[in-house]
All heavy atoms as atom14 arrays in JSON, in Angstrom:
{
  "sequence": "PETEADDFLFRFLEKAIEANSLACGGGGRPPAYE",
  "atom14_mask": [
    [1, 1, 1, 1, 1, 1, 1, 0, 0, 0, 0, 0, 0, 0],
    [1, 1, 1, 1, 1, 1, 1, 1, 1, 0, 0, 0, 0, 0],
    [1, 1, 1, 1, 1, 1, 1, 0, 0, 0, 0, 0, 0, 0],
    [1, 1, 1, 1, 1, 1, 1, 1, 1, 0, 0, 0, 0, 0],
    [1, 1, 1, 1, 1, 0, 0, 0, 0, 0, 0, 0, 0, 0],
    [1, 1, 1, 1, 1, 1, 1, 1, 0, 0, 0, 0, 0, 0],
    [1, 1, 1, 1, 1, 1, 1, 1, 0, 0, 0, 0, 0, 0],
    [1, 1, 1, 1, 1, 1, 1, 1, 1, 1, 1, 0, 0, 0],
    [1, 1, 1, 1, 1, 1, 1, 1, 0, 0, 0, 0, 0, 0],
    [1, 1, 1, 1, 1, 1, 1, 1, 1, 1, 1, 0, 0, 0],
    [1, 1, 1, 1, 1, 1, 1, 1, 1, 1, 1, 0, 0, 0],
    [1, 1, 1, 1, 1, 1, 1, 1, 1, 1, 1, 0, 0, 0],
    [1, 1, 1, 1, 1, 1, 1, 1, 0, 0, 0, 0, 0, 0],
    [1, 1, 1, 1, 1, 1, 1, 1, 1, 0, 0, 0, 0, 0],
    [1, 1, 1, 1, 1, 1, 1, 1, 1, 0, 0, 0, 0, 0],
    [1, 1, 1, 1, 1, 0, 0, 0, 0, 0, 0, 0, 0, 0],
    [1, 1, 1, 1, 1, 1, 1, 1, 0, 0, 0, 0, 0, 0],
    [1, 1, 1, 1, 1, 1, 1, 1, 1, 0, 0, 0, 0, 0],
    [1, 1, 1, 1, 1, 0, 0, 0, 0, 0, 0, 0, 0, 0],
    [1, 1, 1, 1, 1, 1, 1, 1, 0, 0, 0, 0, 0, 0],
    [1, 1, 1, 1, 1, 1, 0, 0, 0, 0, 0, 0, 0, 0],
    [1, 1, 1, 1, 1, 1, 1, 1, 0, 0, 0, 0, 0, 0],
    [1, 1, 1, 1, 1, 0, 0, 0, 0, 0, 0, 0, 0, 0],
    [1, 1, 1, 1, 1, 1, 0, 0, 0, 0, 0, 0, 0, 0],
    [1, 1, 1, 1, 0, 0, 0, 0, 0, 0, 0, 0, 0, 0],
    [1, 1, 1, 1, 0, 0, 0, 0, 0, 0, 0, 0, 0, 0],
    [1, 1, 1, 1, 0, 0, 0, 0, 0, 0, 0, 0, 0, 0],
    [1, 1, 1, 1, 0, 0, 0, 0, 0, 0, 0, 0, 0, 0],
    [1, 1, 1, 1, 1, 1, 1, 1, 1, 1, 1, 0, 0, 0],
    [1, 1, 1, 1, 1, 1, 1, 0, 0, 0, 0, 0, 0, 0],
    [1, 1, 1, 1, 1, 1, 1, 0, 0, 0, 0, 0, 0, 0],
    [1, 1, 1, 1, 1, 0, 0, 0, 0, 0, 0, 0, 0, 0],
    [1, 1, 1, 1, 1, 1, 1, 1, 1, 1, 1, 1, 0, 0],
    [1, 1, 1, 1, 1, 1, 1, 1, 1, 0, 0, 0, 0, 0]
  ],
  "atom14_positions": [
    [[77.67, 197.72, 153.43], [78.77, 196.88, 153.92], [78.79, 195.53, 153.2], [77.76, 195.01, 152.81], [78.49, 196.72, 155.39], [77.57, 197.8, 155.74], [76.77, 198.09, 154.49], [0.0, 0.0, 0.0], [0.0, 0.0, 0.0], [0.0, 0.0, 0.0], [0.0, 0.0, 0.0], [0.0, 0.0, 0.0], [0.0, 0.0, 0.0], [0.0, 0.0, 0.0]],
    [[79.97, 194.93, 153.09], [80.1, 193.66, 152.37], [79.3, 192.54, 153.0], [78.72, 191.7, 152.31], [81.59, 193.24, 152.34], [81.82, 192.11, 151.39], [83.29, 191.85, 151.09], [84.08, 192.79, 151.23], [83.62, 190.71, 150.69], [0.0, 0.0, 0.0], [0.0, 0.0, 0.0], [0.0, 0.0, 0.0], [0.0, 0.0, 0.0], [0.0, 0.0, 0.0]],
    [[79.17, 192.54, 154.35], [78.33, 191.49, 154.99], [76.81, 191.62, 154.59], [76.2, 190.64, 154.38], [78.46, 191.53, 156.52], [78.1, 192.85, 157.0], [79.86, 191.18, 156.93], [0.0, 0.0, 0.0], [0.0, 0.0, 0.0], [0.0, 0.0, 0.0], [0.0, 0.0, 0.0], [0.0, 0.0, 0.0], [0.0, 0.0, 0.0], [0.0, 0.0, 0.0]],
    [[76.37, 192.87, 154.47], [75.0, 193.07, 154.05], [74.81, 192.73, 152.53], [73.76, 192.21, 152.13], [74.57, 194.52, 154.31], [74.38, 194.82, 155.77], [73.86, 196.23, 156.04], [73.01, 196.67, 155.25], [74.29, 196.8, 157.01], [0.0, 0.0, 0.0], [0.0, 0.0, 0.0], [0.0, 0.0, 0.0], [0.0, 0.0, 0.0], [0.0, 0.0, 0.0]],
    [[75.83, 192.96, 151.74], [75.79, 192.57, 150.34], [75.71, 191.04, 150.21], [74.99, 190.5, 149.37], [77.03, 193.11, 149.58], [0.0, 0.0, 0.0], [0.0, 0.0, 0.0], [0.0, 0.0, 0.0], [0.0, 0.0, 0.0], [0.0, 0.0, 0.0], [0.0, 0.0, 0.0], [0.0, 0.0, 0.0], [0.0, 0.0, 0.0], [0.0, 0.0, 0.0]],
    [[76.47, 190.33, 151.04], [76.42, 188.87, 151.09], [75.03, 188.38, 151.5], [74.47, 187.45, 150.89], [77.48, 188.29, 152.04], [78.89, 188.45, 151.52], [79.06, 188.71, 150.3], [79.81, 188.26, 152.34], [0.0, 0.0, 0.0], [0.0, 0.0, 0.0], [0.0, 0.0, 0.0], [0.0, 0.0, 0.0], [0.0, 0.0, 0.0], [0.0, 0.0, 0.0]],
    [[74.46, 189.04, 152.52], [73.13, 188.67, 152.96], [72.11, 188.91, 151.89], [71.2, 188.11, 151.67], [72.72, 189.48, 154.22], [73.49, 189.11, 155.46], [74.11, 187.96, 155.47], [73.5, 189.87, 156.42], [0.0, 0.0, 0.0], [0.0, 0.0, 0.0], [0.0, 0.0, 0.0], [0.0, 0.0, 0.0], [0.0, 0.0, 0.0], [0.0, 0.0, 0.0]],
    [[72.27, 190.02, 151.15], [71.35, 190.33, 150.05], [71.47, 189.25, 148.98], [70.46, 188.8, 148.44], [71.65, 191.7, 149.42], [70.68, 191.99, 148.32], [69.49, 192.58, 148.58], [70.99, 191.7, 147.01], [68.56, 192.83, 147.59], [70.07, 191.96, 145.96], [68.88, 192.54, 146.29], [0.0, 0.0, 0.0], [0.0, 0.0, 0.0], [0.0, 0.0, 0.0]],
    [[72.67, 188.81, 148.64], [72.86, 187.77, 147.64], [72.11, 186.53, 148.05], [71.42, 185.89, 147.22], [74.33, 187.49, 147.42], [74.67, 186.31, 146.53], [74.16, 186.53, 145.12], [76.19, 186.1, 146.47], [0.0, 0.0, 0.0], [0.0, 0.0, 0.0], [0.0, 0.0, 0.0], [0.0, 0.0, 0.0], [0.0, 0.0, 0.0], [0.0, 0.0, 0.0]],
    [[72.21, 186.1, 149.29], [71.55, 184.88, 149.75], [70.01, 185.07, 149.67], [69.29, 184.16, 149.31], [71.97, 184.49, 151.19], [73.36, 184.02, 151.23], [74.3, 184.61, 152.03], [73.78, 182.96, 150.44], [75.63, 184.19, 152.11], [75.08, 182.47, 150.5], [75.99, 183.13, 151.3], [0.0, 0.0, 0.0], [0.0, 0.0, 0.0], [0.0, 0.0, 0.0]],
    [[69.55, 186.26, 150.01], [68.09, 186.53, 149.9], [67.63, 186.5, 148.49], [66.55, 185.94, 148.14], [67.74, 187.89, 150.52], [67.52, 187.85, 151.98], [66.89, 189.14, 152.42], [67.21, 190.18, 151.46], [67.23, 191.47, 151.69], [66.92, 191.91, 152.84], [67.56, 192.33, 150.79], [0.0, 0.0, 0.0], [0.0, 0.0, 0.0], [0.0, 0.0, 0.0]],
    [[68.43, 187.07, 147.56], [68.11, 187.04, 146.13], [67.96, 185.61, 145.64], [66.99, 185.27, 144.97], [69.18, 187.78, 145.37], [69.1, 187.58, 143.85], [68.12, 188.17, 143.1], [70.06, 186.81, 143.21], [68.01, 187.95, 141.73], [70.01, 186.62, 141.83], [68.99, 187.18, 141.1], [0.0, 0.0, 0.0], [0.0, 0.0, 0.0], [0.0, 0.0, 0.0]],
    [[68.92, 184.76, 145.98], [68.9, 183.38, 145.56], [67.68, 182.64, 146.13], [67.04, 181.86, 145.42], [70.2, 182.67, 145.95], [71.46, 183.19, 145.25], [72.67, 182.56, 145.84], [71.4, 182.98, 143.74], [0.0, 0.0, 0.0], [0.0, 0.0, 0.0], [0.0, 0.0, 0.0], [0.0, 0.0, 0.0], [0.0, 0.0, 0.0], [0.0, 0.0, 0.0]],
    [[67.39, 182.91, 147.41], [66.25, 182.24, 148.01], [64.9, 182.75, 147.59], [64.0, 181.98, 147.23], [66.37, 182.37, 149.56], [65.28, 181.66, 150.32], [65.35, 181.89, 151.8], [66.3, 182.52, 152.28], [64.43, 181.42, 152.5], [0.0, 0.0, 0.0], [0.0, 0.0, 0.0], [0.0, 0.0, 0.0], [0.0, 0.0, 0.0], [0.0, 0.0, 0.0]],
    [[64.72, 184.07, 147.6], [63.37, 184.67, 147.36], [63.05, 184.91, 145.9], [61.9, 184.81, 145.53], [63.29, 186.01, 148.11], [63.58, 185.94, 149.58], [62.43, 185.35, 150.35], [62.75, 185.45, 151.84], [61.74, 184.81, 152.63], [0.0, 0.0, 0.0], [0.0, 0.0, 0.0], [0.0, 0.0, 0.0], [0.0, 0.0, 0.0], [0.0, 0.0, 0.0]],
    [[64.06, 185.25, 145.08], [63.75, 185.58, 143.7], [64.03, 184.39, 142.76], [63.29, 184.15, 141.81], [64.62, 186.74, 143.22], [0.0, 0.0, 0.0], [0.0, 0.0, 0.0], [0.0, 0.0, 0.0], [0.0, 0.0, 0.0], [0.0, 0.0, 0.0], [0.0, 0.0, 0.0], [0.0, 0.0, 0.0], [0.0, 0.0, 0.0], [0.0, 0.0, 0.0]],
    [[65.02, 183.58, 143.07], [65.43, 182.48, 142.18], [64.77, 181.18, 142.64], [63.86, 180.64, 141.93], [66.94, 182.34, 142.11], [67.59, 183.65, 141.58], [67.35, 181.16, 141.25], [67.14, 184.05, 140.23], [0.0, 0.0, 0.0], [0.0, 0.0, 0.0], [0.0, 0.0, 0.0], [0.0, 0.0, 0.0], [0.0, 0.0, 0.0], [0.0, 0.0, 0.0]],
    [[65.14, 180.63, 143.78], [64.64, 179.33, 144.23], [63.15, 179.37, 144.45], [62.42, 178.39, 144.14], [65.37, 178.88, 145.47], [66.81, 178.56, 145.22], [67.6, 178.27, 146.49], [67.03, 178.36, 147.59], [68.78, 177.91, 146.35], [0.0, 0.0, 0.0], [0.0, 0.0, 0.0], [0.0, 0.0, 0.0], [0.0, 0.0, 0.0], [0.0, 0.0, 0.0]],
    [[62.6, 180.44, 144.97], [61.16, 180.51, 145.25], [60.34, 180.49, 143.97], [59.17, 180.15, 143.97], [60.84, 181.83, 146.03], [0.0, 0.0, 0.0], [0.0, 0.0, 0.0], [0.0, 0.0, 0.0], [0.0, 0.0, 0.0], [0.0, 0.0, 0.0], [0.0, 0.0, 0.0], [0.0, 0.0, 0.0], [0.0, 0.0, 0.0], [0.0, 0.0, 0.0]],
    [[60.96, 180.82, 142.82], [60.28, 180.76, 141.54], [60.65, 179.55, 140.7], [60.51, 179.56, 139.48], [60.57, 182.09, 140.78], [59.8, 183.24, 141.38], [58.62, 183.24, 141.38], [60.56, 184.19, 141.92], [0.0, 0.0, 0.0], [0.0, 0.0, 0.0], [0.0, 0.0, 0.0], [0.0, 0.0, 0.0], [0.0, 0.0, 0.0], [0.0, 0.0, 0.0]],
    [[61.23, 178.55, 141.34], [61.65, 177.29, 140.69], [62.63, 177.58, 139.57], [62.54, 177.04, 138.46], [60.42, 176.52, 140.14], [59.58, 176.18, 141.2], [0.0, 0.0, 0.0], [0.0, 0.0, 0.0], [0.0, 0.0, 0.0], [0.0, 0.0, 0.0], [0.0, 0.0, 0.0], [0.0, 0.0, 0.0], [0.0, 0.0, 0.0], [0.0, 0.0, 0.0]],
    [[63.62, 178.45, 139.83], [64.7, 178.77, 138.85], [66.0, 178.38, 139.42], [66.17, 178.06, 140.61], [64.61, 180.29, 138.61], [63.32, 180.82, 137.97], [63.33, 182.36, 138.03], [63.17, 180.33, 136.56], [0.0, 0.0, 0.0], [0.0, 0.0, 0.0], [0.0, 0.0, 0.0], [0.0, 0.0, 0.0], [0.0, 0.0, 0.0], [0.0, 0.0, 0.0]],
    [[67.0, 178.42, 138.59], [68.41, 178.2, 138.96], [69.21, 179.24, 138.25], [68.77, 179.8, 137.22], [68.83, 176.82, 138.55], [0.0, 0.0, 0.0], [0.0, 0.0, 0.0], [0.0, 0.0, 0.0], [0.0, 0.0, 0.0], [0.0, 0.0, 0.0], [0.0, 0.0, 0.0], [0.0, 0.0, 0.0], [0.0, 0.0, 0.0], [0.0, 0.0, 0.0]],
    [[70.41, 179.53, 138.77], [71.23, 180.55, 138.11], [72.71, 180.27, 138.3], [73.1, 179.51, 139.18], [70.88, 181.97, 138.57], [71.38, 182.33, 140.28], [0.0, 0.0, 0.0], [0.0, 0.0, 0.0], [0.0, 0.0, 0.0], [0.0, 0.0, 0.0], [0.0, 0.0, 0.0], [0.0, 0.0, 0.0], [0.0, 0.0, 0.0], [0.0, 0.0, 0.0]],
    [[73.47, 180.88, 137.45], [74.93, 180.81, 137.55], [75.44, 182.23, 137.34], [74.82, 183.02, 136.59], [0.0, 0.0, 0.0], [0.0, 0.0, 0.0], [0.0, 0.0, 0.0], [0.0, 0.0, 0.0], [0.0, 0.0, 0.0], [0.0, 0.0, 0.0], [0.0, 0.0, 0.0], [0.0, 0.0, 0.0], [0.0, 0.0, 0.0], [0.0, 0.0, 0.0]],
    [[76.54, 182.55, 137.94], [77.15, 183.85, 137.78], [77.62, 184.36, 139.11], [77.99, 183.58, 139.99], [0.0, 0.0, 0.0], [0.0, 0.0, 0.0], [0.0, 0.0, 0.0], [0.0, 0.0, 0.0], [0.0, 0.0, 0.0], [0.0, 0.0, 0.0], [0.0, 0.0, 0.0], [0.0, 0.0, 0.0], [0.0, 0.0, 0.0], [0.0, 0.0, 0.0]],
    [[77.6, 185.64, 139.28], [78.04, 186.23, 140.55], [78.59, 187.61, 140.33], [78.16, 188.35, 139.43], [0.0, 0.0, 0.0], [0.0, 0.0, 0.0], [0.0, 0.0, 0.0], [0.0, 0.0, 0.0], [0.0, 0.0, 0.0], [0.0, 0.0, 0.0], [0.0, 0.0, 0.0], [0.0, 0.0, 0.0], [0.0, 0.0, 0.0], [0.0, 0.0, 0.0]],
    [[79.56, 187.96, 141.07], [80.14, 189.31, 141.02], [80.77, 189.69, 142.34], [80.94, 188.85, 143.22], [0.0, 0.0, 0.0], [0.0, 0.0, 0.0], [0.0, 0.0, 0.0], [0.0, 0.0, 0.0], [0.0, 0.0, 0.0], [0.0, 0.0, 0.0], [0.0, 0.0, 0.0], [0.0, 0.0, 0.0], [0.0, 0.0, 0.0], [0.0, 0.0, 0.0]],
    [[81.08, 190.94, 142.45], [81.61, 191.53, 143.67], [80.79, 192.73, 144.01], [80.34, 193.41, 143.15], [83.06, 191.99, 143.46], [84.02, 190.87, 143.3], [85.38, 191.51, 143.19], [86.39, 190.49, 143.33], [87.68, 190.67, 143.23], [88.11, 191.9, 143.03], [88.54, 189.7, 143.33], [0.0, 0.0, 0.0], [0.0, 0.0, 0.0], [0.0, 0.0, 0.0]],
    [[80.66, 193.01, 145.3], [79.88, 194.19, 145.64], [80.54, 195.4, 144.93], [81.72, 195.48, 144.9], [80.05, 194.29, 147.16], [80.4, 192.9, 147.62], [81.13, 192.29, 146.47], [0.0, 0.0, 0.0], [0.0, 0.0, 0.0], [0.0, 0.0, 0.0], [0.0, 0.0, 0.0], [0.0, 0.0, 0.0], [0.0, 0.0, 0.0], [0.0, 0.0, 0.0]],
    [[79.76, 196.24, 144.33], [78.27, 196.3, 144.39], [77.59, 195.71, 143.16], [76.34, 195.75, 143.1], [78.03, 197.81, 144.44], [79.1, 198.38, 143.6], [80.32, 197.47, 143.81], [0.0, 0.0, 0.0], [0.0, 0.0, 0.0], [0.0, 0.0, 0.0], [0.0, 0.0, 0.0], [0.0, 0.0, 0.0], [0.0, 0.0, 0.0], [0.0, 0.0, 0.0]],
    [[78.28, 195.12, 142.19], [77.62, 194.67, 140.94], [77.62, 193.16, 140.79], [78.63, 192.49, 141.05], [78.33, 195.31, 139.75], [0.0, 0.0, 0.0], [0.0, 0.0, 0.0], [0.0, 0.0, 0.0], [0.0, 0.0, 0.0], [0.0, 0.0, 0.0], [0.0, 0.0, 0.0], [0.0, 0.0, 0.0], [0.0, 0.0, 0.0], [0.0, 0.0, 0.0]],
    [[76.49, 192.62, 140.3], [76.35, 191.16, 140.12], [75.67, 190.87, 138.77], [74.84, 191.68, 138.33], [75.5, 190.57, 141.26], [76.16, 190.71, 142.61], [75.99, 191.89, 143.35], [76.87, 189.69, 143.13], [76.62, 192.03, 144.59], [77.48, 189.79, 144.38], [77.36, 190.97, 145.1], [77.94, 191.09, 146.32], [0.0, 0.0, 0.0], [0.0, 0.0, 0.0]],
    [[75.99, 189.73, 138.16], [75.37, 189.34, 136.91], [75.13, 187.81, 136.98], [75.96, 187.02, 137.41], [76.26, 189.63, 135.71], [76.5, 191.09, 135.49], [77.39, 191.35, 134.29], [77.78, 190.39, 133.58], [77.66, 192.54, 134.04], [0.0, 0.0, 0.0], [0.0, 0.0, 0.0], [0.0, 0.0, 0.0], [0.0, 0.0, 0.0], [0.0, 0.0, 0.0]]
  ]
}
């Protein structure tokens, strides 16, 4: 569901990007992101 895809995006940003002292730009629409 789109709400779960949004939740996943926030987790990705917090756990994979920010937790590793990284920054990113981009995005997408469910189900694909870059």
